[in-house]
C-alpha atoms as a PDB file:
ATOM      1  CA  MET A   1     132.937  86.077 -52.737  1.00  0.00           C
ATOM      2  CA  ARG A   2     131.937  89.684 -53.290  1.00  0.00           C
ATOM      3  CA  TRP A   3     128.575  90.204 -55.003  1.00  0.00           C
ATOM      4  CA  PRO A   4     127.253  93.286 -56.780  1.00  0.00           C
ATOM      5  CA  PHE A   5     125.427  95.989 -54.911  1.00  0.00           C
ATOM      6  CA  LEU A   6     121.946  94.602 -55.780  1.00  0.00           C
ATOM      7  CA  GLY A   7     120.285  97.966 -55.136  1.00  0.00           C
ATOM      8  CA  ARG A   8     122.175  98.654 -51.914  1.00  0.00           C
ATOM      9  CA  LEU A   9     124.766 101.250 -51.017  1.00  0.00           C
ATOM     10  CA  TRP A  10     127.473  98.723 -50.174  1.00  0.00           C
ATOM     11  CA  PRO A  11     128.763  95.516 -51.759  1.00  0.00           C
ATOM     12  CA  ILE A  12     127.565  92.218 -50.345  1.00  0.00           C
ATOM     13  CA  ASP A  13     129.795  89.400 -49.122  1.00  0.00           C
ATOM     14  CA  VAL A  14     128.355  85.917 -49.626  1.00  0.00           C
ATOM     15  CA  VAL A  15     129.933  82.780 -48.191  1.00  0.00           C
ATOM     16  CA  VAL A  16     129.085  79.142 -48.884  1.00  0.00           C
ATOM     17  CA  ASP A  17     129.712  76.894 -45.889  1.00  0.00           C
ATOM     18  CA  PRO A  18     128.736  73.362 -44.833  1.00  0.00           C
ATOM     19  CA  LEU A  19     125.270  73.083 -43.286  1.00  0.00           C
ATOM     20  CA  ASP A  20     124.841  72.201 -39.635  1.00  0.00           C
ATOM     21  CA  ILE A  21     121.931  71.974 -37.227  1.00  0.00           C
ATOM     22  CA  SER A  22     122.261  75.651 -36.265  1.00  0.00           C
ATOM     23  CA  HIS A  23     120.844  76.484 -39.717  1.00  0.00           C
ATOM     24  CA  THR A  24     117.625  74.429 -39.446  1.00  0.00           C
ATOM     25  CA  ARG A  25     115.268  77.270 -38.465  1.00  0.00           C
ATOM     26  CA  HIS A  26     116.520  79.438 -41.331  1.00  0.00           C
ATOM     27  CA  MET A  27     116.292  76.472 -43.702  1.00  0.00           C
ATOM     28  CA  ALA A  28     112.657  75.861 -42.751  1.00  0.00           C
ATOM     29  CA  ASP A  29     111.774  79.541 -43.161  1.00  0.00           C
ATOM     30  CA  LEU A  30     113.356  79.697 -46.605  1.00  0.00           C
ATOM     31  CA  HIS A  31     111.884  76.347 -47.660  1.00  0.00           C
ATOM     32  CA  ALA A  32     108.397  77.624 -46.734  1.00  0.00           C
ATOM     33  CA  VAL A  33     108.778  80.498 -49.195  1.00  0.00           C
ATOM     34  CA  SER A  34     109.720  78.163 -52.040  1.00  0.00           C
ATOM     35  CA  PHE A  35     107.642  74.998 -51.672  1.00  0.00           C
ATOM     36  CA  SER A  36     103.939  74.263 -51.292  1.00  0.00           C
ATOM     37  CA  ARG A  37     104.763  71.471 -48.813  1.00  0.00           C
ATOM     38  CA  PRO A  38     107.652  72.928 -46.836  1.00  0.00           C
ATOM     39  CA  TRP A  39     109.790  70.907 -44.488  1.00  0.00           C
ATOM     40  CA  THR A  40     109.979  71.832 -40.805  1.00  0.00           C
ATOM     41  CA  ASP A  41     113.051  72.708 -38.812  1.00  0.00           C
ATOM     42  CA  GLY A  42     112.575  69.373 -36.997  1.00  0.00           C
ATOM     43  CA  GLU A  43     112.685  67.492 -40.303  1.00  0.00           C
ATOM     44  CA  PHE A  44     115.845  69.350 -41.310  1.00  0.00           C
ATOM     45  CA  HIS A  45     117.341  68.682 -37.879  1.00  0.00           C
ATOM     46  CA  ASP A  46     116.635  64.941 -38.215  1.00  0.00           C
ATOM     47  CA  MET A  47     118.093  64.799 -41.723  1.00  0.00           C
ATOM     48  CA  LEU A  48     121.257  66.642 -40.752  1.00  0.00           C
ATOM     49  CA  GLY A  49     121.697  64.141 -37.914  1.00  0.00           C
ATOM     50  CA  GLN A  50     122.134  61.322 -40.424  1.00  0.00           C
ATOM     51  CA  GLN A  51     125.726  60.474 -41.352  1.00  0.00           C
ATOM     52  CA  THR A  52     124.934  60.208 -45.056  1.00  0.00           C
ATOM     53  CA  VAL A  53     123.300  63.658 -45.320  1.00  0.00           C
ATOM     54  CA  PHE A  54     125.333  66.753 -46.137  1.00  0.00           C
ATOM     55  CA  GLY A  55     124.774  70.152 -47.622  1.00  0.00           C
ATOM     56  CA  PHE A  56     125.798  73.757 -47.927  1.00  0.00           C
ATOM     57  CA  VAL A  57     124.377  77.115 -46.949  1.00  0.00           C
ATOM     58  CA  ALA A  58     124.896  80.461 -48.671  1.00  0.00           C
ATOM     59  CA  ARG A  59     124.941  83.351 -46.239  1.00  0.00           C
ATOM     60  CA  GLU A  60     125.087  87.104 -46.649  1.00  0.00           C
ATOM     61  CA  LEU A  61     127.549  88.771 -44.295  1.00  0.00           C
ATOM     62  CA  THR A  62     126.678  92.409 -43.716  1.00  0.00           C
ATOM     63  CA  TRP A  63     127.770  94.564 -40.801  1.00  0.00           C
ATOM     64  CA  GLY A  64     128.638  91.540 -38.694  1.00  0.00           C
ATOM     65  CA  LYS A  65     125.246  89.876 -39.257  1.00  0.00           C
ATOM     66  CA  SER A  66     124.519  86.703 -41.186  1.00  0.00           C
ATOM     67  CA  LYS A  67     121.423  86.033 -43.313  1.00  0.00           C
ATOM     68  CA  VAL A  68     120.688  82.685 -45.016  1.00  0.00           C
ATOM     69  CA  LEU A  69     120.160  83.238 -48.743  1.00  0.00           C
ATOM     70  CA  GLY A  70     119.946  79.643 -49.894  1.00  0.00           C
ATOM     71  CA  PHE A  71     120.930  76.075 -49.183  1.00  0.00           C
ATOM     72  CA  VAL A  72     121.245  72.639 -50.724  1.00  0.00           C
ATOM     73  CA  LEU A  73     120.786  69.325 -48.938  1.00  0.00           C
ATOM     74  CA  ALA A  74     121.980  65.974 -50.305  1.00  0.00           C
ATOM     75  CA  ARG A  75     122.334  62.354 -49.264  1.00  0.00           C
ATOM     76  CA  GLY A  76     125.035  59.941 -50.394  1.00  0.00           C
ATOM     77  CA  ALA A  77     125.059  56.152 -50.239  1.00  0.00           C
ATOM     78  CA  ALA A  78     126.499  53.234 -52.208  1.00  0.00           C
ATOM     79  CA  GLY A  79     128.345  55.393 -54.735  1.00  0.00           C
ATOM     80  CA  GLU A  80     125.344  57.601 -55.500  1.00  0.00           C
ATOM     81  CA  ALA A  81     124.029  60.894 -54.164  1.00  0.00           C
ATOM     82  CA  GLU A  82     120.633  62.534 -54.346  1.00  0.00           C
ATOM     83  CA  ILE A  83     119.880  66.224 -54.076  1.00  0.00           C
ATOM     84  CA  LEU A  84     117.098  66.237 -51.484  1.00  0.00           C
ATOM     85  CA  THR A  85     116.255  69.915 -51.823  1.00  0.00           C
ATOM     86  CA  ILE A  86     117.739  73.202 -52.923  1.00  0.00           C
ATOM     87  CA  THR A  87     116.326  76.687 -52.588  1.00  0.00           C
ATOM     88  CA  VAL A  88     117.467  80.263 -52.995  1.00  0.00           C
ATOM     89  CA  ALA A  89     115.711  83.324 -51.580  1.00  0.00           C
ATOM     90  CA  PRO A  90     113.468  84.857 -54.259  1.00  0.00           C
ATOM     91  CA  ASP A  91     115.380  88.155 -54.410  1.00  0.00           C
ATOM     92  CA  TRP A  92     118.639  86.239 -54.956  1.00  0.00           C
ATOM     93  CA  GLN A  93     117.423  83.958 -57.738  1.00  0.00           C
ATOM     94  CA  GLY A  94     119.137  84.552 -61.061  1.00  0.00           C
ATOM     95  CA  HIS A  95     122.381  85.779 -59.488  1.00  0.00           C
ATOM     96  CA  GLY A  96     124.320  82.489 -59.657  1.00  0.00           C
ATOM     97  CA  LEU A  97     123.782  81.433 -56.058  1.00  0.00           C
ATOM     98  CA  GLY A  98     122.083  78.150 -56.994  1.00  0.00           C
ATOM     99  CA  ARG A  99     125.075  77.280 -59.146  1.00  0.00           C
ATOM    100  CA  LYS A 100     127.487  78.030 -56.297  1.00  0.00           C
ATOM    101  CA  LEU A 101     125.518  75.724 -53.996  1.00  0.00           C
ATOM    102  CA  MET A 102     125.374  72.946 -56.605  1.00  0.00           C
ATOM    103  CA  ASP A 103     129.096  73.337 -57.328  1.00  0.00           C
ATOM    104  CA  ALA A 104     129.817  72.835 -53.616  1.00  0.00           C
ATOM    105  CA  VAL A 105     127.722  69.631 -53.519  1.00  0.00           C
ATOM    106  CA  LEU A 106     129.331  68.284 -56.699  1.00  0.00           C
ATOM    107  CA  ARG A 107     132.852  68.965 -55.353  1.00  0.00           C
ATOM    108  CA  LYS A 108     132.013  67.160 -52.103  1.00  0.00           C
ATOM    109  CA  ALA A 109     130.409  64.254 -53.990  1.00  0.00           C
ATOM    110  CA  HIS A 110     133.448  63.942 -56.233  1.00  0.00           C
ATOM    111  CA  GLY A 111     135.731  64.000 -53.189  1.00  0.00           C
ATOM    112  CA  GLU A 112     133.654  61.226 -51.605  1.00  0.00           C
ATOM    113  CA  ARG A 113     134.094  59.123 -54.789  1.00  0.00           C
ATOM    114  CA  ILE A 114     130.407  59.275 -55.586  1.00  0.00           C
ATOM    115  CA  GLU A 115     129.816  58.106 -59.134  1.00  0.00           C
ATOM    116  CA  SER A 116     126.404  59.622 -59.929  1.00  0.00           C
ATOM    117  CA  VAL A 117     124.239  62.403 -58.538  1.00  0.00           C
ATOM    118  CA  PHE A 118     120.453  62.332 -58.977  1.00  0.00           C
ATOM    119  CA  LEU A 119     117.780  64.953 -58.461  1.00  0.00           C
ATOM    120  CA  GLU A 120     114.114  65.553 -59.129  1.00  0.00           C
ATOM    121  CA  VAL A 121     112.869  68.863 -60.477  1.00  0.00           C
ATOM    122  CA  ASP A 122     109.396  70.155 -61.249  1.00  0.00           C
ATOM    123  CA  GLU A 123     108.834  70.054 -64.994  1.00  0.00           C
ATOM    124  CA  THR A 124     107.596  73.672 -64.832  1.00  0.00           C
ATOM    125  CA  ASN A 125     110.776  75.011 -63.175  1.00  0.00           C
ATOM    126  CA  ALA A 126     112.581  76.131 -66.345  1.00  0.00           C
ATOM    127  CA  PRO A 127     115.379  78.105 -64.597  1.00  0.00           C
ATOM    128  CA  ALA A 128     116.323  75.104 -62.416  1.00  0.00           C
ATOM    129  CA  ILE A 129     116.205  72.701 -65.363  1.00  0.00           C
ATOM    130  CA  ALA A 130     118.454  75.051 -67.354  1.00  0.00           C
ATOM    131  CA  LEU A 131     120.929  75.217 -64.447  1.00  0.00           C
ATOM    132  CA  TYR A 132     121.024  71.447 -64.040  1.00  0.00           C
ATOM    133  CA  ARG A 133     121.618  70.947 -67.757  1.00  0.00           C
ATOM    134  CA  LYS A 134     124.485  73.480 -67.666  1.00  0.00           C
ATOM    135  CA  LEU A 135     125.956  71.443 -64.810  1.00  0.00           C
ATOM    136  CA  GLY A 136     125.855  68.265 -66.922  1.00  0.00           C
ATOM    137  CA  PHE A 137     122.653  66.654 -65.641  1.00  0.00           C
ATOM    138  CA  PHE A 138     120.445  64.818 -68.116  1.00  0.00           C
ATOM    139  CA  GLN A 139     116.948  63.417 -67.814  1.00  0.00           C
ATOM    140  CA  VAL A 140     116.725  59.699 -67.010  1.00  0.00           C
ATOM    141  CA  GLY A 141     113.070  59.420 -66.035  1.00  0.00           C
ATOM    142  CA  GLY A 142     110.010  61.104 -64.678  1.00  0.00           C
ATOM    143  CA  ARG A 143     107.373  60.890 -61.971  1.00  0.00           C
ATOM    144  CA  PRO A 144     103.859  61.910 -63.087  1.00  0.00           C
ATOM    145  CA  ASP A 145     101.802  64.019 -60.670  1.00  0.00           C
ATOM    146  CA  TYR A 146     104.719  64.195 -58.244  1.00  0.00           C
ATOM    147  CA  TYR A 147     104.491  67.865 -57.218  1.00  0.00           C
ATOM    148  CA  ARG A 148     101.493  69.903 -56.159  1.00  0.00           C
ATOM    149  CA  ASP A 149     101.624  73.681 -56.362  1.00  0.00           C
ATOM    150  CA  LYS A 150      99.977  76.053 -53.889  1.00  0.00           C
ATOM    151  CA  ALA A 151      96.788  76.085 -56.008  1.00  0.00           C
ATOM    152  CA  GLY A 152      96.615  72.273 -55.874  1.00  0.00           C
ATOM    153  CA  ARG A 153      97.641  71.646 -59.498  1.00  0.00           C
ATOM    154  CA  ARG A 154      99.821  68.594 -60.020  1.00  0.00           C
ATOM    155  CA  THR A 155     102.943  68.546 -62.158  1.00  0.00           C
ATOM    156  CA  ALA A 156     105.487  65.899 -63.048  1.00  0.00           C
ATOM    157  CA  ALA A 157     109.000  65.582 -61.692  1.00  0.00           C
ATOM    158  CA  LEU A 158     111.872  65.111 -64.087  1.00  0.00           C
ATOM    159  CA  VAL A 159     114.463  62.696 -62.717  1.00  0.00           C
ATOM    160  CA  MET A 160     117.941  63.869 -63.722  1.00  0.00           C
ATOM    161  CA  ARG A 161     121.418  62.396 -63.286  1.00  0.00           C
ATOM    162  CA  ARG A 162     124.991  63.560 -63.579  1.00  0.00           C
ATOM    163  CA  ASP A 163     127.818  61.065 -63.760  1.00  0.00           C
ATOM    164  CA  LEU A 164     130.964  62.129 -61.921  1.00  0.00           C
ATOM    165  CA  ARG A 165     133.282  59.295 -62.987  1.00  0.00           C
END
């Protein structure tokens, strides 16, 4: 997919591919930018080693180099899937990359005959909540004091679900 110039002199090619263990260092680096309690490359490595875990990475391809711009990680079992985490590099947020990653997960889940996909999102993350609602997710519950931001404030998680069947 060709993206706009985004302040550069040349157009940007972005690809969305399945995640594998070669991406774990980049995943950890990007996760650290986005979350107050980031996961390590070892944690990502262990998760990707599980048969039920899958995900996708968005990469920028420029001049033969590859840069991770975002990723989504999910787990499927017993007809259900859960989005474990999703993040997009700050300078790429608002450009549709999160939607592309979620679309990839939903296509894979549908192909695996998963009936419902669940996720948890910070109640203060309005852009993510708006995206999930556009994708057909609806709130089915909540978890008080689930997240803690970098200043130590606690916020609730909204539990959301999308039915695929």
